[in-house]
């Protein structure tokens, strides 16, 4: 019902981490209109590797319990959220950030994942 598009890693230094993976694995940067110290994304083949600045209660490198998030793409985030709830997944409400819709959920061990319409 959805396709994995990216893995997000919450970090203290977005540029440093993105540059490390870019250099180590020859990954190509993906242009973004978001601030470079807040978000960076690399093309890792069939999936994107993204780095997100960790904030607030999650500390400088994200919560030790939630240091990453697997993201699945869906055109209709609300419909997928409802289907996942129907199937038994604990899902949060759909959030809107401009044209981007997203919704977080958790797996049986508490790992976070997200449904998003961001390509």
PDB file of N, CA and C in Angstrom:
ATOM      1  N   UNK A   1       0.810  -1.206   0.000  1.00  0.00           N
ATOM      2  CA  UNK A   1       0.000   0.000   0.000  1.00  0.00           C
ATOM      3  C   UNK A   1       0.850   1.265   0.000  1.00  0.00           C
ATOM      4  N   UNK A   2       2.162   1.131   0.253  1.00  0.00           N
ATOM      5  CA  UNK A   2       3.082   2.273   0.230  1.00  0.00           C
ATOM      6  C   UNK A   2       4.472   1.764  -0.134  1.00  0.00           C
ATOM      7  N   UNK A   3       5.332   2.664  -0.597  1.00  0.00           N
ATOM      8  CA  UNK A   3       6.679   2.324  -1.055  1.00  0.00           C
ATOM      9  C   UNK A   3       7.701   3.013  -0.153  1.00  0.00           C
ATOM     10  N   UNK A   4       8.738   2.277   0.322  1.00  0.00           N
ATOM     11  CA  UNK A   4       9.762   2.912   1.133  1.00  0.00           C
ATOM     12  C   UNK A   4      10.552   3.881   0.270  1.00  0.00           C
ATOM     13  N   UNK A   5      10.706   5.117   0.765  1.00  0.00           N
ATOM     14  CA  UNK A   5      11.406   6.154   0.019  1.00  0.00           C
ATOM     15  C   UNK A   5      12.670   6.638   0.708  1.00  0.00           C
ATOM     16  N   UNK A   6      12.658   6.695   2.039  1.00  0.00           N
ATOM     17  CA  UNK A   6      13.825   7.241   2.724  1.00  0.00           C
ATOM     18  C   UNK A   6      13.919   6.703   4.143  1.00  0.00           C
ATOM     19  N   UNK A   7      15.134   6.762   4.687  1.00  0.00           N
ATOM     20  CA  UNK A   7      15.383   6.509   6.099  1.00  0.00           C
ATOM     21  C   UNK A   7      15.923   7.810   6.663  1.00  0.00           C
ATOM     22  N   UNK A   8      15.316   8.303   7.745  1.00  0.00           N
ATOM     23  CA  UNK A   8      15.735   9.545   8.377  1.00  0.00           C
ATOM     24  C   UNK A   8      16.534   9.207   9.628  1.00  0.00           C
ATOM     25  N   UNK A   9      17.707   9.820   9.760  1.00  0.00           N
ATOM     26  CA  UNK A   9      18.537   9.667  10.945  1.00  0.00           C
ATOM     27  C   UNK A   9      18.583  11.027  11.641  1.00  0.00           C
ATOM     28  N   UNK A  10      18.210  11.083  12.914  1.00  0.00           N
ATOM     29  CA  UNK A  10      18.231  12.326  13.676  1.00  0.00           C
ATOM     30  C   UNK A  10      19.630  12.531  14.240  1.00  0.00           C
ATOM     31  N   UNK A  11      20.214  13.703  13.969  1.00  0.00           N
ATOM     32  CA  UNK A  11      21.620  13.952  14.290  1.00  0.00           C
ATOM     33  C   UNK A  11      21.819  15.349  14.871  1.00  0.00           C
ATOM     34  N   UNK A  12      22.974  15.553  15.507  1.00  0.00           N
ATOM     35  CA  UNK A  12      23.342  16.876  16.018  1.00  0.00           C
ATOM     36  C   UNK A  12      23.884  17.761  14.902  1.00  0.00           C
ATOM     37  N   UNK A  13      24.693  17.205  14.003  1.00  0.00           N
ATOM     38  CA  UNK A  13      25.332  17.981  12.933  1.00  0.00           C
ATOM     39  C   UNK A  13      24.953  17.386  11.578  1.00  0.00           C
ATOM     40  N   UNK A  14      23.952  17.983  10.954  1.00  0.00           N
ATOM     41  CA  UNK A  14      23.412  17.476   9.689  1.00  0.00           C
ATOM     42  C   UNK A  14      24.480  17.439   8.606  1.00  0.00           C
ATOM     43  N   UNK A  15      25.171  18.548   8.399  1.00  0.00           N
ATOM     44  CA  UNK A  15      26.152  18.626   7.313  1.00  0.00           C
ATOM     45  C   UNK A  15      27.306  17.644   7.508  1.00  0.00           C
ATOM     46  N   UNK A  16      27.787  17.529   8.735  1.00  0.00           N
ATOM     47  CA  UNK A  16      28.901  16.614   9.020  1.00  0.00           C
ATOM     48  C   UNK A  16      28.506  15.166   8.715  1.00  0.00           C
ATOM     49  N   UNK A  17      27.322  14.755   9.165  1.00  0.00           N
ATOM     50  CA  UNK A  17      26.881  13.377   8.932  1.00  0.00           C
ATOM     51  C   UNK A  17      26.609  13.122   7.454  1.00  0.00           C
ATOM     52  N   UNK A  18      25.941  14.064   6.788  1.00  0.00           N
ATOM     53  CA  UNK A  18      25.658  13.894   5.360  1.00  0.00           C
ATOM     54  C   UNK A  18      26.953  13.817   4.567  1.00  0.00           C
ATOM     55  N   UNK A  19      27.904  14.674   4.884  1.00  0.00           N
ATOM     56  CA  UNK A  19      29.187  14.662   4.170  1.00  0.00           C
ATOM     57  C   UNK A  19      29.942  13.355   4.395  1.00  0.00           C
ATOM     58  N   UNK A  20      29.862  12.804   5.608  1.00  0.00           N
ATOM     59  CA  UNK A  20      30.523  11.531   5.900  1.00  0.00           C
ATOM     60  C   UNK A  20      29.969  10.426   5.003  1.00  0.00           C
ATOM     61  N   UNK A  21      28.651  10.251   4.988  1.00  0.00           N
ATOM     62  CA  UNK A  21      28.052   9.183   4.182  1.00  0.00           C
ATOM     63  C   UNK A  21      28.235   9.428   2.689  1.00  0.00           C
ATOM     64  N   UNK A  22      28.189  10.690   2.274  1.00  0.00           N
ATOM     65  CA  UNK A  22      28.410  11.015   0.863  1.00  0.00           C
ATOM     66  C   UNK A  22      29.810  10.592   0.460  1.00  0.00           C
ATOM     67  N   UNK A  23      30.788  10.934   1.285  1.00  0.00           N
ATOM     68  CA  UNK A  23      32.185  10.613   0.977  1.00  0.00           C
ATOM     69  C   UNK A  23      32.483   9.116   1.098  1.00  0.00           C
ATOM     70  N   UNK A  24      31.940   8.474   2.108  1.00  0.00           N
ATOM     71  CA  UNK A  24      32.249   7.066   2.349  1.00  0.00           C
ATOM     72  C   UNK A  24      31.615   6.145   1.303  1.00  0.00           C
ATOM     73  N   UNK A  25      30.403   6.470   0.871  1.00  0.00           N
ATOM     74  CA  UNK A  25      29.654   5.571  -0.006  1.00  0.00           C
ATOM     75  C   UNK A  25      29.355   6.158  -1.383  1.00  0.00           C
ATOM     76  N   UNK A  26      29.993   7.288  -1.711  1.00  0.00           N
ATOM     77  CA  UNK A  26      29.797   7.942  -3.020  1.00  0.00           C
ATOM     78  C   UNK A  26      28.326   8.225  -3.308  1.00  0.00           C
ATOM     79  N   UNK A  27      27.597   8.701  -2.303  1.00  0.00           N
ATOM     80  CA  UNK A  27      26.185   9.020  -2.479  1.00  0.00           C
ATOM     81  C   UNK A  27      26.039  10.447  -2.997  1.00  0.00           C
ATOM     82  N   UNK A  28      25.090  10.647  -3.871  1.00  0.00           N
ATOM     83  CA  UNK A  28      24.867  11.970  -4.461  1.00  0.00           C
ATOM     84  C   UNK A  28      23.886  12.772  -3.616  1.00  0.00           C
ATOM     85  N   UNK A  29      24.207  14.051  -3.348  1.00  0.00           N
ATOM     86  CA  UNK A  29      23.264  14.884  -2.601  1.00  0.00           C
ATOM     87  C   UNK A  29      22.027  15.193  -3.440  1.00  0.00           C
ATOM     88  N   UNK A  30      20.900  15.327  -2.773  1.00  0.00           N
ATOM     89  CA  UNK A  30      19.640  15.698  -3.419  1.00  0.00           C
ATOM     90  C   UNK A  30      19.327  17.125  -2.989  1.00  0.00           C
ATOM     91  N   UNK A  31      19.122  17.997  -3.956  1.00  0.00           N
ATOM     92  CA  UNK A  31      18.856  19.403  -3.642  1.00  0.00           C
ATOM     93  C   UNK A  31      17.569  19.548  -2.849  1.00  0.00           C
ATOM     94  N   UNK A  32      17.587  20.522  -1.931  1.00  0.00           N
ATOM     95  CA  UNK A  32      16.434  20.782  -1.083  1.00  0.00           C
ATOM     96  C   UNK A  32      16.335  22.278  -0.840  1.00  0.00           C
ATOM     97  N   UNK A  33      15.120  22.770  -0.638  1.00  0.00           N
ATOM     98  CA  UNK A  33      14.944  24.172  -0.288  1.00  0.00           C
ATOM     99  C   UNK A  33      14.944  24.368   1.229  1.00  0.00           C
ATOM    100  N   UNK A  34      15.185  23.300   1.977  1.00  0.00           N
ATOM    101  CA  UNK A  34      15.267  23.380   3.433  1.00  0.00           C
ATOM    102  C   UNK A  34      16.673  23.792   3.854  1.00  0.00           C
ATOM    103  N   UNK A  35      16.807  24.368   5.036  1.00  0.00           N
ATOM    104  CA  UNK A  35      18.100  24.826   5.543  1.00  0.00           C
ATOM    105  C   UNK A  35      19.073  23.659   5.664  1.00  0.00           C
ATOM    106  N   UNK A  36      20.306  23.869   5.177  1.00  0.00           N
ATOM    107  CA  UNK A  36      21.320  22.804   5.161  1.00  0.00           C
ATOM    108  C   UNK A  36      21.684  22.327   6.563  1.00  0.00           C
ATOM    109  N   UNK A  37      21.520  23.177   7.583  1.00  0.00           N
ATOM    110  CA  UNK A  37      21.845  22.742   8.943  1.00  0.00           C
ATOM    111  C   UNK A  37      20.666  22.029   9.615  1.00  0.00           C
ATOM    112  N   UNK A  38      19.529  21.928   8.907  1.00  0.00           N
ATOM    113  CA  UNK A  38      18.343  21.258   9.436  1.00  0.00           C
ATOM    114  C   UNK A  38      18.035  19.942   8.731  1.00  0.00           C
ATOM    115  N   UNK A  39      18.418  19.839   7.431  1.00  0.00           N
ATOM    116  CA  UNK A  39      18.002  18.692   6.628  1.00  0.00           C
ATOM    117  C   UNK A  39      18.971  18.480   5.483  1.00  0.00           C
ATOM    118  N   UNK A  40      19.345  17.234   5.244  1.00  0.00           N
ATOM    119  CA  UNK A  40      20.130  16.866   4.063  1.00  0.00           C
ATOM    120  C   UNK A  40      19.667  15.489   3.623  1.00  0.00           C
ATOM    121  N   UNK A  41      19.678  15.289   2.308  1.00  0.00           N
ATOM    122  CA  UNK A  41      19.212  14.020   1.765  1.00  0.00           C
ATOM    123  C   UNK A  41      20.198  13.540   0.709  1.00  0.00           C
ATOM    124  N   UNK A  42      20.475  12.235   0.728  1.00  0.00           N
ATOM    125  CA  UNK A  42      21.402  11.629  -0.221  1.00  0.00           C
ATOM    126  C   UNK A  42      20.688  10.535  -1.003  1.00  0.00           C
ATOM    127  N   UNK A  43      21.048  10.408  -2.278  1.00  0.00           N
ATOM    128  CA  UNK A  43      20.502   9.353  -3.126  1.00  0.00           C
ATOM    129  C   UNK A  43      21.283   8.076  -2.853  1.00  0.00           C
ATOM    130  N   UNK A  44      20.602   7.082  -2.277  1.00  0.00           N
ATOM    131  CA  UNK A  44      21.251   5.815  -1.937  1.00  0.00           C
ATOM    132  C   UNK A  44      20.737   4.695  -2.836  1.00  0.00           C
ATOM    133  N   UNK A  45      20.407   5.029  -4.068  1.00  0.00           N
ATOM    134  CA  UNK A  45      19.885   4.028  -4.998  1.00  0.00           C
ATOM    135  C   UNK A  45      18.384   3.968  -4.932  1.00  0.00           C
ATOM    136  N   UNK A  46      17.827   2.858  -4.484  1.00  0.00           N
ATOM    137  CA  UNK A  46      16.381   2.692  -4.425  1.00  0.00           C
ATOM    138  C   UNK A  46      15.725   3.393  -3.255  1.00  0.00           C
ATOM    139  N   UNK A  47      16.520   4.035  -2.419  1.00  0.00           N
ATOM    140  CA  UNK A  47      16.013   4.699  -1.224  1.00  0.00           C
ATOM    141  C   UNK A  47      16.879   5.930  -0.969  1.00  0.00           C
ATOM    142  N   UNK A  48      16.354   6.868  -0.210  1.00  0.00           N
ATOM    143  CA  UNK A  48      17.131   8.049   0.161  1.00  0.00           C
ATOM    144  C   UNK A  48      17.539   7.949   1.625  1.00  0.00           C
ATOM    145  N   UNK A  49      18.734   8.442   1.916  1.00  0.00           N
ATOM    146  CA  UNK A  49      19.221   8.528   3.286  1.00  0.00           C
ATOM    147  C   UNK A  49      19.161   9.995   3.672  1.00  0.00           C
ATOM    148  N   UNK A  50      18.375  10.317   4.699  1.00  0.00           N
ATOM    149  CA  UNK A  50      18.175  11.706   5.100  1.00  0.00           C
ATOM    150  C   UNK A  50      18.680  11.932   6.516  1.00  0.00           C
ATOM    151  N   UNK A  51      19.154  13.151   6.762  1.00  0.00           N
ATOM    152  CA  UNK A  51      19.633  13.558   8.083  1.00  0.00           C
ATOM    153  C   UNK A  51      18.804  14.749   8.531  1.00  0.00           C
ATOM    154  N   UNK A  52      18.234  14.639   9.732  1.00  0.00           N
ATOM    155  CA  UNK A  52      17.333  15.657  10.272  1.00  0.00           C
ATOM    156  C   UNK A  52      17.927  16.165  11.580  1.00  0.00           C
ATOM    157  N   UNK A  53      17.973  17.469  11.752  1.00  0.00           N
ATOM    158  CA  UNK A  53      18.483  18.064  12.991  1.00  0.00           C
ATOM    159  C   UNK A  53      17.581  17.655  14.152  1.00  0.00           C
ATOM    160  N   UNK A  54      18.166  17.085  15.199  1.00  0.00           N
ATOM    161  CA  UNK A  54      17.413  16.697  16.394  1.00  0.00           C
ATOM    162  C   UNK A  54      17.219  17.924  17.279  1.00  0.00           C
ATOM    163  N   UNK A  55      16.037  18.058  17.866  1.00  0.00           N
ATOM    164  CA  UNK A  55      15.703  19.224  18.685  1.00  0.00           C
ATOM    165  C   UNK A  55      15.055  18.806  19.994  1.00  0.00           C
ATOM    166  N   UNK A  56      14.997  19.741  20.920  1.00  0.00           N
ATOM    167  CA  UNK A  56      14.199  19.616  22.131  1.00  0.00           C
ATOM    168  C   UNK A  56      14.499  18.405  22.974  1.00  0.00           C
ATOM    169  N   UNK A  57      13.444  17.740  23.412  1.00  0.00           N
ATOM    170  CA  UNK A  57      13.575  16.624  24.348  1.00  0.00           C
ATOM    171  C   UNK A  57      14.359  15.461  23.760  1.00  0.00           C
ATOM    172  N   UNK A  58      14.527  15.438  22.442  1.00  0.00           N
ATOM    173  CA  UNK A  58      15.262  14.345  21.817  1.00  0.00           C
ATOM    174  C   UNK A  58      16.767  14.537  21.901  1.00  0.00           C
ATOM    175  N   UNK A  59      17.223  15.698  22.386  1.00  0.00           N
ATOM    176  CA  UNK A  59      18.652  15.921  22.573  1.00  0.00           C
ATOM    177  C   UNK A  59      19.392  16.123  21.273  1.00  0.00           C
ATOM    178  N   UNK A  60      20.722  16.206  21.357  1.00  0.00           N
ATOM    179  CA  UNK A  60      21.517  16.545  20.183  1.00  0.00           C
ATOM    180  C   UNK A  60      21.576  15.456  19.120  1.00  0.00           C
ATOM    181  N   UNK A  61      21.272  14.229  19.456  1.00  0.00           N
ATOM    182  CA  UNK A  61      21.324  13.162  18.445  1.00  0.00           C
ATOM    183  C   UNK A  61      20.032  12.360  18.405  1.00  0.00           C
ATOM    184  N   UNK A  62      18.957  12.985  18.814  1.00  0.00           N
ATOM    185  CA  UNK A  62      17.688  12.268  18.836  1.00  0.00           C
ATOM    186  C   UNK A  62      17.607  11.404  20.082  1.00  0.00           C
ATOM    187  N   UNK A  63      16.447  10.889  20.341  1.00  0.00           N
ATOM    188  CA  UNK A  63      16.267  10.009  21.480  1.00  0.00           C
ATOM    189  C   UNK A  63      16.991   8.696  21.214  1.00  0.00           C
ATOM    190  N   UNK A  64      17.610   8.149  22.229  1.00  0.00           N
ATOM    191  CA  UNK A  64      18.275   6.854  22.032  1.00  0.00           C
ATOM    192  C   UNK A  64      17.264   5.783  21.635  1.00  0.00           C
ATOM    193  N   UNK A  65      16.000   5.992  21.984  1.00  0.00           N
ATOM    194  CA  UNK A  65      14.956   5.038  21.607  1.00  0.00           C
ATOM    195  C   UNK A  65      14.431   5.293  20.193  1.00  0.00           C
ATOM    196  N   UNK A  66      14.612   6.509  19.685  1.00  0.00           N
ATOM    197  CA  UNK A  66      14.060   6.881  18.376  1.00  0.00           C
ATOM    198  C   UNK A  66      15.082   7.620  17.519  1.00  0.00           C
ATOM    199  N   UNK A  67      16.237   7.022  17.216  1.00  0.00           N
ATOM    200  CA  UNK A  67      17.263   7.749  16.468  1.00  0.00           C
ATOM    201  C   UNK A  67      17.041   7.769  14.964  1.00  0.00           C
ATOM    202  N   UNK A  68      16.029   7.090  14.474  1.00  0.00           N
ATOM    203  CA  UNK A  68      15.802   7.012  13.032  1.00  0.00           C
ATOM    204  C   UNK A  68      14.310   6.841  12.758  1.00  0.00           C
ATOM    205  N   UNK A  69      13.972   6.966  11.481  1.00  0.00           N
ATOM    206  CA  UNK A  69      12.582   6.783  11.075  1.00  0.00           C
ATOM    207  C   UNK A  69      12.577   6.269   9.643  1.00  0.00           C
ATOM    208  N   UNK A  70      11.867   5.192   9.383  1.00  0.00           N
ATOM    209  CA  UNK A  70      11.713   4.669   8.029  1.00  0.00           C
ATOM    210  C   UNK A  70      10.489   5.353   7.425  1.00  0.00           C
ATOM    211  N   UNK A  71      10.639   5.866   6.198  1.00  0.00           N
ATOM    212  CA  UNK A  71       9.559   6.628   5.571  1.00  0.00           C
ATOM    213  C   UNK A  71       9.054   5.913   4.322  1.00  0.00           C
ATOM    214  N   UNK A  72       7.747   5.748   4.241  1.00  0.00           N
ATOM    215  CA  UNK A  72       7.086   5.157   3.088  1.00  0.00           C
ATOM    216  C   UNK A  72       6.311   6.247   2.360  1.00  0.00           C
ATOM    217  N   UNK A  73       6.366   6.228   1.036  1.00  0.00           N
ATOM    218  CA  UNK A  73       5.657   7.209   0.220  1.00  0.00           C
ATOM    219  C   UNK A  73       4.245   6.721  -0.096  1.00  0.00           C
ATOM    220  N   UNK A  74       3.299   7.644  -0.034  1.00  0.00           N
ATOM    221  CA  UNK A  74       1.927   7.371  -0.466  1.00  0.00           C
ATOM    222  C   UNK A  74       1.329   8.668  -0.996  1.00  0.00           C
ATOM    223  N   UNK A  75       0.616   8.584  -2.104  1.00  0.00           N
ATOM    224  CA  UNK A  75      -0.052   9.776  -2.636  1.00  0.00           C
ATOM    225  C   UNK A  75      -1.131  10.260  -1.677  1.00  0.00           C
ATOM    226  N   UNK A  76      -1.910   9.342  -1.124  1.00  0.00           N
ATOM    227  CA  UNK A  76      -3.003   9.689  -0.218  1.00  0.00           C
ATOM    228  C   UNK A  76      -2.636   9.235   1.197  1.00  0.00           C
ATOM    229  N   UNK A  77      -1.968  10.118   1.929  1.00  0.00           N
ATOM    230  CA  UNK A  77      -1.476   9.788   3.270  1.00  0.00           C
ATOM    231  C   UNK A  77      -2.634   9.437   4.201  1.00  0.00           C
ATOM    232  N   UNK A  78      -3.722  10.186   4.126  1.00  0.00           N
ATOM    233  CA  UNK A  78      -4.872   9.923   4.993  1.00  0.00           C
ATOM    234  C   UNK A  78      -5.471   8.546   4.777  1.00  0.00           C
ATOM    235  N   UNK A  79      -5.590   8.143   3.521  1.00  0.00           N
ATOM    236  CA  UNK A  79      -6.156   6.823   3.216  1.00  0.00           C
ATOM    237  C   UNK A  79      -5.250   5.710   3.730  1.00  0.00           C
ATOM    238  N   UNK A  80      -3.936   5.868   3.565  1.00  0.00           N
ATOM    239  CA  UNK A  80      -2.997   4.849   4.044  1.00  0.00           C
ATOM    240  C   UNK A  80      -3.004   4.819   5.568  1.00  0.00           C
ATOM    241  N   UNK A  81      -3.061   5.983   6.212  1.00  0.00           N
ATOM    242  CA  UNK A  81      -3.123   6.038   7.671  1.00  0.00           C
ATOM    243  C   UNK A  81      -4.342   5.265   8.170  1.00  0.00           C
ATOM    244  N   UNK A  82      -5.495   5.488   7.554  1.00  0.00           N
ATOM    245  CA  UNK A  82      -6.716   4.786   7.956  1.00  0.00           C
ATOM    246  C   UNK A  82      -6.599   3.278   7.730  1.00  0.00           C
ATOM    247  N   UNK A  83      -5.990   2.881   6.620  1.00  0.00           N
ATOM    248  CA  UNK A  83      -5.822   1.454   6.334  1.00  0.00           C
ATOM    249  C   UNK A  83      -4.883   0.802   7.348  1.00  0.00           C
ATOM    250  N   UNK A  84      -3.814   1.497   7.715  1.00  0.00           N
ATOM    251  CA  UNK A  84      -2.884   0.943   8.699  1.00  0.00           C
ATOM    252  C   UNK A  84      -3.544   0.814  10.068  1.00  0.00           C
ATOM    253  N   UNK A  85      -4.351   1.793  10.453  1.00  0.00           N
ATOM    254  CA  UNK A  85      -5.103   1.699  11.706  1.00  0.00           C
ATOM    255  C   UNK A  85      -6.048   0.497  11.640  1.00  0.00           C
ATOM    256  N   UNK A  86      -6.725   0.321  10.500  1.00  0.00           N
ATOM    257  CA  UNK A  86      -7.632  -0.818  10.326  1.00  0.00           C
ATOM    258  C   UNK A  86      -6.887  -2.139  10.500  1.00  0.00           C
ATOM    259  N   UNK A  87      -5.623  -2.165  10.049  1.00  0.00           N
ATOM    260  CA  UNK A  87      -4.810  -3.381  10.154  1.00  0.00           C
ATOM    261  C   UNK A  87      -4.176  -3.551  11.534  1.00  0.00           C
ATOM    262  N   UNK A  88      -4.352  -2.576  12.417  1.00  0.00           N
ATOM    263  CA  UNK A  88      -3.866  -2.699  13.784  1.00  0.00           C
ATOM    264  C   UNK A  88      -2.631  -1.905  14.140  1.00  0.00           C
ATOM    265  N   UNK A  89      -2.149  -1.062  13.249  1.00  0.00           N
ATOM    266  CA  UNK A  89      -0.952  -0.268  13.551  1.00  0.00           C
ATOM    267  C   UNK A  89      -1.322   0.965  14.370  1.00  0.00           C
ATOM    268  N   UNK A  90      -0.549   1.257  15.425  1.00  0.00           N
ATOM    269  CA  UNK A  90      -0.776   2.498  16.154  1.00  0.00           C
ATOM    270  C   UNK A  90      -0.259   3.677  15.317  1.00  0.00           C
ATOM    271  N   UNK A  91      -1.167   4.560  14.926  1.00  0.00           N
ATOM    272  CA  UNK A  91      -0.818   5.679  14.047  1.00  0.00           C
ATOM    273  C   UNK A  91      -1.228   7.002  14.682  1.00  0.00           C
ATOM    274  N   UNK A  92      -0.390   8.023  14.464  1.00  0.00           N
ATOM    275  CA  UNK A  92      -0.732   9.376  14.896  1.00  0.00           C
ATOM    276  C   UNK A  92      -1.614  10.021  13.829  1.00  0.00           C
ATOM    277  N   UNK A  93      -2.081  11.221  14.114  1.00  0.00           N
ATOM    278  CA  UNK A  93      -2.890  11.976  13.159  1.00  0.00           C
ATOM    279  C   UNK A  93      -2.014  12.469  12.008  1.00  0.00           C
ATOM    280  N   UNK A  94      -2.625  12.713  10.855  1.00  0.00           N
ATOM    281  CA  UNK A  94      -1.920  13.272   9.703  1.00  0.00           C
ATOM    282  C   UNK A  94      -1.604  14.733   9.999  1.00  0.00           C
ATOM    283  N   UNK A  95      -0.346  15.126   9.746  1.00  0.00           N
ATOM    284  CA  UNK A  95       0.104  16.510   9.938  1.00  0.00           C
ATOM    285  C   UNK A  95       0.390  17.119   8.576  1.00  0.00           C
ATOM    286  N   UNK A  96       0.187  18.427   8.465  1.00  0.00           N
ATOM    287  CA  UNK A  96       0.399  19.140   7.212  1.00  0.00           C
ATOM    288  C   UNK A  96       1.471  20.197   7.394  1.00  0.00           C
ATOM    289  N   UNK A  97       2.459  20.199   6.497  1.00  0.00           N
ATOM    290  CA  UNK A  97       3.513  21.206   6.456  1.00  0.00           C
ATOM    291  C   UNK A  97       3.575  21.716   5.021  1.00  0.00           C
ATOM    292  N   UNK A  98       2.791  22.759   4.715  1.00  0.00           N
ATOM    293  CA  UNK A  98       2.700  23.230   3.339  1.00  0.00           C
ATOM    294  C   UNK A  98       2.016  22.173   2.496  1.00  0.00           C
ATOM    295  N   UNK A  99       2.703  21.720   1.446  1.00  0.00           N
ATOM    296  CA  UNK A  99       2.159  20.673   0.573  1.00  0.00           C
ATOM    297  C   UNK A  99       2.492  19.267   1.064  1.00  0.00           C
ATOM    298  N   UNK A 100       3.295  19.171   2.122  1.00  0.00           N
ATOM    299  CA  UNK A 100       3.729  17.868   2.627  1.00  0.00           C
ATOM    300  C   UNK A 100       2.760  17.381   3.704  1.00  0.00           C
ATOM    301  N   UNK A 101       2.262  16.172   3.506  1.00  0.00           N
ATOM    302  CA  UNK A 101       1.428  15.507   4.505  1.00  0.00           C
ATOM    303  C   UNK A 101       2.223  14.338   5.054  1.00  0.00           C
ATOM    304  N   UNK A 102       2.160  14.141   6.373  1.00  0.00           N
ATOM    305  CA  UNK A 102       2.874  13.011   6.960  1.00  0.00           C
ATOM    306  C   UNK A 102       2.147  12.503   8.178  1.00  0.00           C
ATOM    307  N   UNK A 103       2.449  11.271   8.507  1.00  0.00           N
ATOM    308  CA  UNK A 103       1.809  10.610   9.631  1.00  0.00           C
ATOM    309  C   UNK A 103       2.778   9.568  10.180  1.00  0.00           C
ATOM    310  N   UNK A 104       3.038   9.624  11.478  1.00  0.00           N
ATOM    311  CA  UNK A 104       3.948   8.674  12.107  1.00  0.00           C
ATOM    312  C   UNK A 104       3.181   7.518  12.745  1.00  0.00           C
ATOM    313  N   UNK A 105       3.848   6.377  12.785  1.00  0.00           N
ATOM    314  CA  UNK A 105       3.317   5.199  13.450  1.00  0.00           C
ATOM    315  C   UNK A 105       4.451   4.476  14.151  1.00  0.00           C
ATOM    316  N   UNK A 106       4.119   3.425  14.880  1.00  0.00           N
ATOM    317  CA  UNK A 106       5.148   2.635  15.556  1.00  0.00           C
ATOM    318  C   UNK A 106       4.919   1.157  15.286  1.00  0.00           C
ATOM    319  N   UNK A 107       6.042   0.421  15.216  1.00  0.00           N
ATOM    320  CA  UNK A 107       5.947  -1.024  15.028  1.00  0.00           C
ATOM    321  C   UNK A 107       5.810  -1.697  16.393  1.00  0.00           C
ATOM    322  N   UNK A 108       5.709  -3.023  16.450  1.00  0.00           N
ATOM    323  CA  UNK A 108       5.503  -3.709  17.727  1.00  0.00           C
ATOM    324  C   UNK A 108       6.605  -3.484  18.762  1.00  0.00           C
ATOM    325  N   UNK A 109       7.815  -3.118  18.331  1.00  0.00           N
ATOM    326  CA  UNK A 109       8.902  -2.869  19.274  1.00  0.00           C
ATOM    327  C   UNK A 109       9.114  -1.382  19.533  1.00  0.00           C
ATOM    328  N   UNK A 110       8.236  -0.533  18.999  1.00  0.00           N
ATOM    329  CA  UNK A 110       8.322   0.898  19.257  1.00  0.00           C
ATOM    330  C   UNK A 110       9.132   1.701  18.259  1.00  0.00           C
ATOM    331  N   UNK A 111       9.644   1.063  17.195  1.00  0.00           N
ATOM    332  CA  UNK A 111      10.389   1.807  16.179  1.00  0.00           C
ATOM    333  C   UNK A 111       9.427   2.676  15.385  1.00  0.00           C
ATOM    334  N   UNK A 112       9.852   3.912  15.111  1.00  0.00           N
ATOM    335  CA  UNK A 112       8.986   4.836  14.385  1.00  0.00           C
ATOM    336  C   UNK A 112       9.099   4.629  12.879  1.00  0.00           C
ATOM    337  N   UNK A 113       7.973   4.809  12.208  1.00  0.00           N
ATOM    338  CA  UNK A 113       7.964   4.878  10.749  1.00  0.00           C
ATOM    339  C   UNK A 113       7.000   5.983  10.358  1.00  0.00           C
ATOM    340  N   UNK A 114       7.067   6.384   9.108  1.00  0.00           N
ATOM    341  CA  UNK A 114       6.255   7.506   8.658  1.00  0.00           C
ATOM    342  C   UNK A 114       5.677   7.229   7.279  1.00  0.00           C
ATOM    343  N   UNK A 115       4.478   7.731   7.047  1.00  0.00           N
ATOM    344  CA  UNK A 115       3.863   7.763   5.726  1.00  0.00           C
ATOM    345  C   UNK A 115       3.906   9.226   5.302  1.00  0.00           C
ATOM    346  N   UNK A 116       4.386   9.501   4.093  1.00  0.00           N
ATOM    347  CA  UNK A 116       4.531  10.880   3.629  1.00  0.00           C
ATOM    348  C   UNK A 116       4.236  10.965   2.140  1.00  0.00           C
ATOM    349  N   UNK A 117       3.745  12.121   1.706  1.00  0.00           N
ATOM    350  CA  UNK A 117       3.528  12.338   0.279  1.00  0.00           C
ATOM    351  C   UNK A 117       4.702  13.076  -0.359  1.00  0.00           C
ATOM    352  N   UNK A 118       5.783  13.269   0.394  1.00  0.00           N
ATOM    353  CA  UNK A 118       6.964  13.925  -0.171  1.00  0.00           C
ATOM    354  C   UNK A 118       7.702  12.919  -1.041  1.00  0.00           C
ATOM    355  N   UNK A 119       7.862  13.267  -2.310  1.00  0.00           N
ATOM    356  CA  UNK A 119       8.526  12.360  -3.259  1.00  0.00           C
ATOM    357  C   UNK A 119      10.002  12.225  -2.956  1.00  0.00           C
TER     358      UNK A 119
END
